[in-house]
Amino acid sequence: MSRKTLKRIYKDSKKYVLGDVLGEGAFGQVREGMRVDEGDKFGLRVAVKIISRRLIKKVRNGQENLKREMRCIKKVKHQNVIQLIENIDEPENDKVYLVFELANLFSLQDLCEHARDSGVPNPITNVLEKQLPIPYIK
């Protein structure tokens, strides 16, 4: 992470430093982050989805869709699904930050693209079939 790209966000006593951009979308971007407050979670690497409220407001039902997405994400609890750690609302900056676990290996999208191109080896397919509710993995 270069010094120019660092940004800090805070919630209560929790502090995160944001680094490199991992991806971008229509309403914002996802950046790599690290928890830097004192405690047992110090150094925890996270993915932070930064959503622009200004851009969300331009979409019909944008605010409601964002609220619904956050409710759904909070309800999903599974060992094979990236978990939402917390959300940070900064009305003064017109931004919402969703802090997720960081997946370091590969995404489900990467796996599906690989499966489409060359097929997924059976051991991986068998594990995914048992653990994920996705009927089209084969």
C-alpha atoms as a PDB file:
ATOM      1  CA  MET A   1       0.000   0.000   0.000  1.00  0.00           C
ATOM      2  CA  SER A   2       1.536   3.283  -1.030  1.00  0.00           C
ATOM      3  CA  ARG A   3       1.315   6.234   1.323  1.00  0.00           C
ATOM      4  CA  LYS A   4      -0.702   8.308  -1.175  1.00  0.00           C
ATOM      5  CA  THR A   5      -3.585   5.800  -1.270  1.00  0.00           C
ATOM      6  CA  LEU A   6      -4.101   5.503   2.501  1.00  0.00           C
ATOM      7  CA  LYS A   7      -7.334   6.793   4.042  1.00  0.00           C
ATOM      8  CA  ARG A   8      -8.606   6.256   7.560  1.00  0.00           C
ATOM      9  CA  ILE A   9     -12.158   5.475   8.669  1.00  0.00           C
ATOM     10  CA  TYR A  10     -13.447   5.173  12.225  1.00  0.00           C
ATOM     11  CA  LYS A  11     -16.401   3.706  14.090  1.00  0.00           C
ATOM     12  CA  ASP A  12     -16.492   3.968  17.844  1.00  0.00           C
ATOM     13  CA  SER A  13     -13.021   2.768  18.905  1.00  0.00           C
ATOM     14  CA  LYS A  14     -12.471   0.730  15.723  1.00  0.00           C
ATOM     15  CA  LYS A  15     -10.109   2.181  13.158  1.00  0.00           C
ATOM     16  CA  TYR A  16      -9.334   1.035   9.638  1.00  0.00           C
ATOM     17  CA  VAL A  17      -6.728   2.158   7.151  1.00  0.00           C
ATOM     18  CA  LEU A  18      -7.740   1.789   3.517  1.00  0.00           C
ATOM     19  CA  GLY A  19      -5.212   0.926   0.837  1.00  0.00           C
ATOM     20  CA  ASP A  20      -5.302  -0.305  -2.743  1.00  0.00           C
ATOM     21  CA  VAL A  21      -8.441  -0.482  -4.857  1.00  0.00           C
ATOM     22  CA  LEU A  22      -9.579  -4.090  -5.401  1.00  0.00           C
ATOM     23  CA  GLY A  23     -12.461  -3.266  -7.728  1.00  0.00           C
ATOM     24  CA  GLU A  24     -14.904  -0.607  -8.866  1.00  0.00           C
ATOM     25  CA  GLY A  25     -18.601  -0.533  -9.591  1.00  0.00           C
ATOM     26  CA  ALA A  26     -21.397   1.851 -10.500  1.00  0.00           C
ATOM     27  CA  PHE A  27     -21.822   3.239  -6.978  1.00  0.00           C
ATOM     28  CA  GLY A  28     -18.293   3.148  -5.603  1.00  0.00           C
ATOM     29  CA  GLN A  29     -15.314   0.921  -5.095  1.00  0.00           C
ATOM     30  CA  VAL A  30     -13.884  -1.868  -2.962  1.00  0.00           C
ATOM     31  CA  ARG A  31     -10.558  -1.267  -1.261  1.00  0.00           C
ATOM     32  CA  GLU A  32      -8.259  -3.426   0.798  1.00  0.00           C
ATOM     33  CA  GLY A  33      -8.123  -2.337   4.409  1.00  0.00           C
ATOM     34  CA  MET A  34      -6.530  -3.154   7.734  1.00  0.00           C
ATOM     35  CA  ARG A  35      -7.795  -2.765  11.266  1.00  0.00           C
ATOM     36  CA  VAL A  36      -5.343  -0.604  13.221  1.00  0.00           C
ATOM     37  CA  ASP A  37      -6.946  -0.076  16.626  1.00  0.00           C
ATOM     38  CA  GLU A  38      -5.556  -1.785  19.691  1.00  0.00           C
ATOM     39  CA  GLY A  39      -6.895  -5.184  20.601  1.00  0.00           C
ATOM     40  CA  ASP A  40      -7.073  -8.761  19.393  1.00  0.00           C
ATOM     41  CA  LYS A  41      -8.248  -7.748  15.887  1.00  0.00           C
ATOM     42  CA  PHE A  42      -5.225  -5.498  15.215  1.00  0.00           C
ATOM     43  CA  GLY A  43      -3.815  -6.155  11.757  1.00  0.00           C
ATOM     44  CA  LEU A  44      -6.973  -7.884  10.491  1.00  0.00           C
ATOM     45  CA  ARG A  45      -7.086  -7.512   6.707  1.00  0.00           C
ATOM     46  CA  VAL A  46     -10.517  -6.608   5.353  1.00  0.00           C
ATOM     47  CA  ALA A  47     -12.271  -5.597   2.149  1.00  0.00           C
ATOM     48  CA  VAL A  48     -14.158  -2.312   2.401  1.00  0.00           C
ATOM     49  CA  LYS A  49     -16.988  -1.547  -0.012  1.00  0.00           C
ATOM     50  CA  ILE A  50     -17.289   2.233  -0.280  1.00  0.00           C
ATOM     51  CA  ILE A  51     -20.714   3.357  -1.491  1.00  0.00           C
ATOM     52  CA  SER A  52     -21.469   6.918  -2.570  1.00  0.00           C
ATOM     53  CA  ARG A  53     -24.817   8.085  -1.210  1.00  0.00           C
ATOM     54  CA  ARG A  54     -24.861  10.795  -3.891  1.00  0.00           C
ATOM     55  CA  LEU A  55     -24.798   8.173  -6.646  1.00  0.00           C
ATOM     56  CA  ILE A  56     -27.309   5.912  -4.851  1.00  0.00           C
ATOM     57  CA  LYS A  57     -29.777   8.811  -4.608  1.00  0.00           C
ATOM     58  CA  LYS A  58     -29.790   9.156  -8.393  1.00  0.00           C
ATOM     59  CA  VAL A  59     -31.183   5.632  -8.813  1.00  0.00           C
ATOM     60  CA  ARG A  60     -34.891   4.948  -8.354  1.00  0.00           C
ATOM     61  CA  ASN A  61     -35.324   3.203  -4.957  1.00  0.00           C
ATOM     62  CA  GLY A  62     -31.537   3.402  -4.464  1.00  0.00           C
ATOM     63  CA  GLN A  63     -31.671   4.134  -0.733  1.00  0.00           C
ATOM     64  CA  GLU A  64     -34.185   1.358  -0.109  1.00  0.00           C
ATOM     65  CA  ASN A  65     -32.145  -1.081  -2.207  1.00  0.00           C
ATOM     66  CA  LEU A  66     -29.020  -0.268  -0.192  1.00  0.00           C
ATOM     67  CA  LYS A  67     -30.878  -0.837   3.090  1.00  0.00           C
ATOM     68  CA  ARG A  68     -32.300  -4.136   1.790  1.00  0.00           C
ATOM     69  CA  GLU A  69     -28.851  -5.284   0.625  1.00  0.00           C
ATOM     70  CA  MET A  70     -27.378  -4.535   4.054  1.00  0.00           C
ATOM     71  CA  ARG A  71     -30.197  -6.439   5.815  1.00  0.00           C
ATOM     72  CA  CYS A  72     -29.685  -9.457   3.536  1.00  0.00           C
ATOM     73  CA  ILE A  73     -25.911  -9.455   3.961  1.00  0.00           C
ATOM     74  CA  LYS A  74     -26.272  -9.355   7.749  1.00  0.00           C
ATOM     75  CA  LYS A  75     -28.612 -12.367   7.705  1.00  0.00           C
ATOM     76  CA  VAL A  76     -26.323 -14.636   5.673  1.00  0.00           C
ATOM     77  CA  LYS A  77     -24.224 -16.742   8.039  1.00  0.00           C
ATOM     78  CA  HIS A  78     -22.281 -19.564   6.421  1.00  0.00           C
ATOM     79  CA  GLN A  79     -18.667 -20.715   6.662  1.00  0.00           C
ATOM     80  CA  ASN A  80     -18.246 -20.415   2.880  1.00  0.00           C
ATOM     81  CA  VAL A  81     -19.741 -16.946   2.501  1.00  0.00           C
ATOM     82  CA  ILE A  82     -17.761 -13.772   3.122  1.00  0.00           C
ATOM     83  CA  GLN A  83     -19.135 -12.160   6.287  1.00  0.00           C
ATOM     84  CA  LEU A  84     -20.004  -8.522   6.825  1.00  0.00           C
ATOM     85  CA  ILE A  85     -18.013  -7.386   9.850  1.00  0.00           C
ATOM     86  CA  GLU A  86     -19.700  -4.002  10.216  1.00  0.00           C
ATOM     87  CA  ASN A  87     -21.038  -1.007   8.385  1.00  0.00           C
ATOM     88  CA  ILE A  88     -19.824   2.545   8.905  1.00  0.00           C
ATOM     89  CA  ASP A  89     -22.085   5.421   7.897  1.00  0.00           C
ATOM     90  CA  GLU A  90     -20.428   8.796   7.329  1.00  0.00           C
ATOM     91  CA  PRO A  91     -23.226  11.214   6.369  1.00  0.00           C
ATOM     92  CA  GLU A  92     -20.798  14.153   6.441  1.00  0.00           C
ATOM     93  CA  ASN A  93     -18.756  12.497   3.654  1.00  0.00           C
ATOM     94  CA  ASP A  94     -21.873  11.168   1.889  1.00  0.00           C
ATOM     95  CA  LYS A  95     -20.420   7.640   2.083  1.00  0.00           C
ATOM     96  CA  VAL A  96     -21.320   4.243   3.514  1.00  0.00           C
ATOM     97  CA  TYR A  97     -18.533   1.754   4.223  1.00  0.00           C
ATOM     98  CA  LEU A  98     -19.291  -1.973   4.381  1.00  0.00           C
ATOM     99  CA  VAL A  99     -16.417  -3.837   6.036  1.00  0.00           C
ATOM    100  CA  PHE A 100     -16.132  -7.487   4.951  1.00  0.00           C
ATOM    101  CA  GLU A 101     -13.773 -10.365   5.559  1.00  0.00           C
ATOM    102  CA  LEU A 102     -11.069 -10.365   2.898  1.00  0.00           C
ATOM    103  CA  ALA A 103     -10.907 -13.392   0.589  1.00  0.00           C
ATOM    104  CA  ASN A 104      -7.279 -13.910  -0.383  1.00  0.00           C
ATOM    105  CA  LEU A 105      -7.447 -17.009  -2.561  1.00  0.00           C
ATOM    106  CA  PHE A 106     -10.071 -16.614  -5.270  1.00  0.00           C
ATOM    107  CA  SER A 107     -13.653 -15.503  -5.688  1.00  0.00           C
ATOM    108  CA  LEU A 108     -16.643 -17.634  -6.575  1.00  0.00           C
ATOM    109  CA  GLN A 109     -16.757 -15.727  -9.866  1.00  0.00           C
ATOM    110  CA  ASP A 110     -13.154 -16.791 -10.600  1.00  0.00           C
ATOM    111  CA  LEU A 111     -14.057 -20.394  -9.820  1.00  0.00           C
ATOM    112  CA  CYS A 112     -17.145 -20.295 -12.067  1.00  0.00           C
ATOM    113  CA  GLU A 113     -15.137 -18.790 -14.931  1.00  0.00           C
ATOM    114  CA  HIS A 114     -12.473 -21.466 -14.492  1.00  0.00           C
ATOM    115  CA  ALA A 115     -15.164 -24.170 -14.436  1.00  0.00           C
ATOM    116  CA  ARG A 116     -16.692 -22.806 -17.625  1.00  0.00           C
ATOM    117  CA  ASP A 117     -13.316 -22.712 -19.388  1.00  0.00           C
ATOM    118  CA  SER A 118     -11.765 -25.975 -18.225  1.00  0.00           C
ATOM    119  CA  GLY A 119     -14.064 -27.704 -15.779  1.00  0.00           C
ATOM    120  CA  VAL A 120     -13.627 -27.894 -12.022  1.00  0.00           C
ATOM    121  CA  PRO A 121     -11.740 -30.917 -10.652  1.00  0.00           C
ATOM    122  CA  ASN A 122     -14.116 -33.348  -8.928  1.00  0.00           C
ATOM    123  CA  PRO A 123     -12.841 -32.894  -5.345  1.00  0.00           C
ATOM    124  CA  ILE A 124     -13.588 -29.168  -5.503  1.00  0.00           C
ATOM    125  CA  THR A 125     -16.949 -29.710  -7.191  1.00  0.00           C
ATOM    126  CA  ASN A 126     -17.997 -32.304  -4.608  1.00  0.00           C
ATOM    127  CA  VAL A 127     -17.127 -30.025  -1.690  1.00  0.00           C
ATOM    128  CA  LEU A 128     -18.917 -27.049  -3.239  1.00  0.00           C
ATOM    129  CA  GLU A 129     -22.039 -29.082  -4.010  1.00  0.00           C
ATOM    130  CA  LYS A 130     -22.352 -30.067  -0.373  1.00  0.00           C
ATOM    131  CA  GLN A 131     -21.591 -26.629   1.080  1.00  0.00           C
ATOM    132  CA  LEU A 132     -23.065 -24.066  -1.296  1.00  0.00           C
ATOM    133  CA  PRO A 133     -26.698 -23.778  -2.352  1.00  0.00           C
ATOM    134  CA  ILE A 134     -25.786 -23.231  -6.008  1.00  0.00           C
ATOM    135  CA  PRO A 135     -27.253 -25.781  -8.425  1.00  0.00           C
ATOM    136  CA  TYR A 136     -25.118 -24.849 -11.444  1.00  0.00           C
ATOM    137  CA  ILE A 137     -21.611 -25.511 -10.033  1.00  0.00           C
ATOM    138  CA  LYS A 138     -21.214 -28.847 -11.857  1.00  0.00           C
END
